[in-house]
Amino acid sequence: VPCSVPLLVSAGRELTFSTFPAHQAPHAATMPFGNTHNKFKLNYKPEEEYPDLSKHNNHMAKALTLEIYKKLRDKETPSGFTLDDVIQTGVDNPGKLKTLKVFDPRTGDFSDSRTLGSTGVSFRDFQEPVSPPQTPQARGPLAVGTFARGREWGGHAGLIPWPPPAPHPRHNDNKSFLVWVNEEDHLRVISMEKGGNMKEVFRRFCVGLQKVGSLPLTAGHPFMWNEHLGYVLTCPSNLGTGLRGGVHVKLAHLSKHPKFEEILTRLRLQKRGTGGVDTAAVGSVFDVSNADRLGSSEVEQVQLVVDGVKLMVEMEKKLEKGQSIDDMIPAQK
């Protein structure tokens, strides 16, 4: 594959629906001035103080058993924080399920209903296929490869079903626009295509995202967002735009250059393997994307990727000819 041609470009965002009215926000957690109330609870049997979680739909309700409560309820931190303090938020917020209609990219309408947890970490796993059943061979590498690799951690953490039901995302016929429900966040929206036309990928992403989010918004469930943090997602590293614009590009020579990491940092970019998070590059093909989510707009972040990848391709061509790239090292963006 010629080094000067990006193999694949993509733009994606992970989104979580808000359960708070627009004029409200979650209360900040505060440390108690003392733990007298918790010591008083120890006068009662664990069975009497163990909270009723039978109608809760959050991960705490699945994990906290009476046996665990008995074992830990008399433990406390140096500041006086106890198990009862820790679990109070989970007791007060049962995680009611919300059923919203989600955009179906295959039909172009909102005919598909999916049940979403009411908080960023309270999901309902779907065991039924999200599109007509297919064999692994028929699904191809998109479902069983690109999106499945590197997601085991989410399954072990209880964020997604693991092994995941197949096939994973809903997509259009040419697999250039995808919507993935309840994979770490409530929605993962992805636009992608082979080649280097990032402008078209970003255009499709913006149009699709507006369609995906319009009906939940009218139903009173906008994506979780506030002026200070931007979009609020399961992973703190995605706070802000929640957008990752990536390019798969072969950098056989530049990746061996001693200043490769420095160049990426100066361009405000990051690299990983094409298999996903924490994967190594195979055949010197890297997934290069924006490192920032906070402090700039979606357009600015995608533009950094476009400009940065263009510069690195030019560097790669010079290195391919045995020429120096010292005069091309960029200043810090």
Foldseek 3Di string as FASTA:
>chain_A
DQQLWFFKKKKKFFFAWAPDFPVDDDDDDDDDQAQPVLVVCVVDDLVVVPDDLVQAQAVCSVPDDSVVCNVFSPDADPNHDGPCSVCVVCRVCRFDKDKFFFQQQAVRARPDIDIATNDQHGGDADQDEPDPDDDPVVVPCPQVFQPQFPLVVCCVVVQYPPVHHPRAWRAYPVRQWTWGASRSHRIMTMGMDTIDPNVVSVVVRVVNVCNRQVRCVVVRIHTDADPPFGGDHNDSQCTAQSMKIKTWGAQPQLVPDPCNVVLCQLLQKDWADSRDPPHHHDNRTIIIIHNDRPDDDPVVRNVSNVVSSNLSSVVSVQVVVVHDCVVSRDGRD
